[in-house]
Amino acid sequence: MARTPNYNFERRERERMNAEKKAKRAAAKKEAREKKAAQSEPAAQSDAQDLPSPTTE
């Protein structure tokens, strides 16, 4: 005999799994954004150090 479907439970489980996936992706994107920002900061600072300072000569 087939089991009685529990649609509400199954739907909640699907939504929970999708929410976990979405949170994992968001965390990965945030980490990548922070990593990229950290890499670009030293480059911007080193570029600024190489430029001559504006002096009135």
N, C-alpha and C. Protein backbone atom coordinates (compact mmCIF):
# COMPACT_ATOMS: atom_id res chain seq x y z
N MET A 1 0.84 -1.18 0.00
CA MET A 1 0.00 0.00 0.00
C MET A 1 0.89 1.25 0.00
N ALA A 2 0.55 2.22 -0.78
CA ALA A 2 1.34 3.44 -0.90
C ALA A 2 1.15 4.31 0.33
N ARG A 3 2.18 5.07 0.62
CA ARG A 3 2.09 5.96 1.78
C ARG A 3 1.28 7.19 1.45
N THR A 4 0.70 7.77 2.46
CA THR A 4 -0.07 9.01 2.29
C THR A 4 0.92 10.17 2.15
N PRO A 5 0.82 10.97 1.11
CA PRO A 5 1.77 12.07 0.93
C PRO A 5 1.60 13.16 1.99
N ASN A 6 2.72 13.65 2.43
CA ASN A 6 2.72 14.73 3.41
C ASN A 6 3.29 15.96 2.68
N TYR A 7 2.44 16.62 1.93
CA TYR A 7 2.89 17.70 1.05
C TYR A 7 3.52 18.86 1.82
N ASN A 8 2.94 19.23 2.94
CA ASN A 8 3.49 20.36 3.70
C ASN A 8 4.90 20.08 4.17
N PHE A 9 5.14 18.89 4.70
CA PHE A 9 6.47 18.53 5.17
C PHE A 9 7.46 18.52 4.02
N GLU A 10 7.07 17.91 2.91
CA GLU A 10 7.97 17.84 1.76
C GLU A 10 8.30 19.23 1.23
N ARG A 11 7.31 20.09 1.18
CA ARG A 11 7.55 21.46 0.72
C ARG A 11 8.49 22.19 1.66
N ARG A 12 8.27 22.05 2.98
CA ARG A 12 9.16 22.70 3.96
C ARG A 12 10.58 22.18 3.84
N GLU A 13 10.74 20.88 3.61
CA GLU A 13 12.08 20.30 3.44
C GLU A 13 12.76 20.88 2.19
N ARG A 14 12.03 20.98 1.09
CA ARG A 14 12.60 21.57 -0.13
C ARG A 14 13.01 23.01 0.12
N GLU A 15 12.16 23.79 0.79
CA GLU A 15 12.47 25.19 1.08
C GLU A 15 13.68 25.31 2.00
N ARG A 16 13.77 24.40 2.98
CA ARG A 16 14.91 24.41 3.90
C ARG A 16 16.20 24.12 3.14
N MET A 17 16.17 23.13 2.26
CA MET A 17 17.35 22.79 1.47
C MET A 17 17.76 23.95 0.56
N ASN A 18 16.77 24.60 -0.06
CA ASN A 18 17.07 25.74 -0.91
C ASN A 18 17.64 26.90 -0.11
N ALA A 19 17.13 27.10 1.10
CA ALA A 19 17.63 28.18 1.95
C ALA A 19 19.08 27.91 2.37
N GLU A 20 19.38 26.66 2.67
CA GLU A 20 20.77 26.30 3.02
C GLU A 20 21.70 26.55 1.84
N LYS A 21 21.27 26.15 0.66
CA LYS A 21 22.07 26.35 -0.54
C LYS A 21 22.30 27.84 -0.80
N LYS A 22 21.23 28.61 -0.64
CA LYS A 22 21.31 30.06 -0.87
C LYS A 22 22.26 30.72 0.14
N ALA A 23 22.19 30.30 1.39
CA ALA A 23 23.06 30.85 2.42
C ALA A 23 24.52 30.49 2.14
N LYS A 24 24.75 29.27 1.69
CA LYS A 24 26.11 28.83 1.39
C LYS A 24 26.68 29.65 0.23
N ARG A 25 25.87 29.86 -0.80
CA ARG A 25 26.32 30.67 -1.95
C ARG A 25 26.59 32.11 -1.53
N ALA A 26 25.72 32.67 -0.70
CA ALA A 26 25.90 34.05 -0.24
C ALA A 26 27.19 34.17 0.57
N ALA A 27 27.47 33.18 1.41
CA ALA A 27 28.70 33.22 2.21
C ALA A 27 29.92 33.12 1.31
N ALA A 28 29.86 32.28 0.29
CA ALA A 28 30.98 32.15 -0.64
C ALA A 28 31.20 33.45 -1.41
N LYS A 29 30.11 34.08 -1.84
CA LYS A 29 30.24 35.35 -2.56
C LYS A 29 30.82 36.43 -1.66
N LYS A 30 30.37 36.47 -0.41
CA LYS A 30 30.87 37.47 0.53
C LYS A 30 32.36 37.26 0.77
N GLU A 31 32.77 36.01 0.94
CA GLU A 31 34.18 35.71 1.16
C GLU A 31 35.01 36.10 -0.06
N ALA A 32 34.51 35.82 -1.24
CA ALA A 32 35.22 36.18 -2.47
C ALA A 32 35.33 37.69 -2.61
N ARG A 33 34.25 38.40 -2.26
CA ARG A 33 34.27 39.86 -2.32
C ARG A 33 35.31 40.42 -1.36
N GLU A 34 35.35 39.88 -0.14
CA GLU A 34 36.32 40.36 0.85
C GLU A 34 37.75 40.05 0.41
N LYS A 35 37.94 38.87 -0.16
CA LYS A 35 39.27 38.48 -0.63
C LYS A 35 39.72 39.40 -1.75
N LYS A 36 38.81 39.69 -2.68
CA LYS A 36 39.14 40.57 -3.80
C LYS A 36 39.44 41.98 -3.30
N ALA A 37 38.68 42.45 -2.33
CA ALA A 37 38.90 43.79 -1.78
C ALA A 37 40.25 43.85 -1.06
N ALA A 38 40.59 42.79 -0.36
CA ALA A 38 41.86 42.75 0.36
C ALA A 38 43.03 42.74 -0.62
N GLN A 39 42.87 42.10 -1.76
CA GLN A 39 43.93 42.06 -2.75
C GLN A 39 44.09 43.40 -3.44
N SER A 40 43.00 44.11 -3.66
CA SER A 40 43.08 45.37 -4.38
C SER A 40 43.57 46.51 -3.49
N GLU A 41 43.38 46.42 -2.18
CA GLU A 41 43.83 47.47 -1.27
C GLU A 41 45.35 47.65 -1.29
N PRO A 42 46.16 46.61 -1.13
CA PRO A 42 47.61 46.81 -1.17
C PRO A 42 48.08 47.34 -2.52
N ALA A 43 47.47 46.92 -3.60
CA ALA A 43 47.85 47.41 -4.92
C ALA A 43 47.57 48.90 -5.03
N ALA A 44 46.45 49.34 -4.53
CA ALA A 44 46.10 50.75 -4.57
C ALA A 44 47.05 51.55 -3.70
N GLN A 45 47.44 51.02 -2.57
CA GLN A 45 48.36 51.72 -1.68
C GLN A 45 49.75 51.79 -2.30
N SER A 46 50.21 50.71 -2.93
CA SER A 46 51.54 50.73 -3.53
C SER A 46 51.58 51.68 -4.72
N ASP A 47 50.49 51.78 -5.48
CA ASP A 47 50.43 52.73 -6.58
C ASP A 47 50.52 54.16 -6.05
N ALA A 48 49.87 54.42 -4.96
CA ALA A 48 49.89 55.75 -4.38
C ALA A 48 51.29 56.10 -3.86
N GLN A 49 52.03 55.11 -3.39
CA GLN A 49 53.37 55.37 -2.87
C GLN A 49 54.34 55.65 -4.00
N ASP A 50 54.11 55.09 -5.18
CA ASP A 50 55.02 55.28 -6.29
C ASP A 50 54.88 56.65 -6.94
N LEU A 51 53.73 57.27 -6.79
CA LEU A 51 53.50 58.57 -7.41
C LEU A 51 54.27 59.64 -6.64
N PRO A 52 54.81 60.62 -7.35
CA PRO A 52 55.49 61.71 -6.65
C PRO A 52 54.50 62.55 -5.86
N SER A 53 54.93 63.02 -4.73
CA SER A 53 54.04 63.82 -3.90
C SER A 53 53.86 65.20 -4.52
N PRO A 54 52.67 65.76 -4.44
CA PRO A 54 52.43 67.08 -5.03
C PRO A 54 53.07 68.17 -4.14
N THR A 55 54.12 68.73 -4.60
CA THR A 55 54.78 69.80 -3.85
C THR A 55 54.82 71.04 -4.71
N THR A 56 54.93 72.17 -4.08
CA THR A 56 55.01 73.43 -4.82
C THR A 56 56.47 73.81 -4.98
N GLU A 57 56.98 73.58 -6.17
CA GLU A 57 58.39 73.88 -6.41
C GLU A 57 58.55 75.04 -7.35
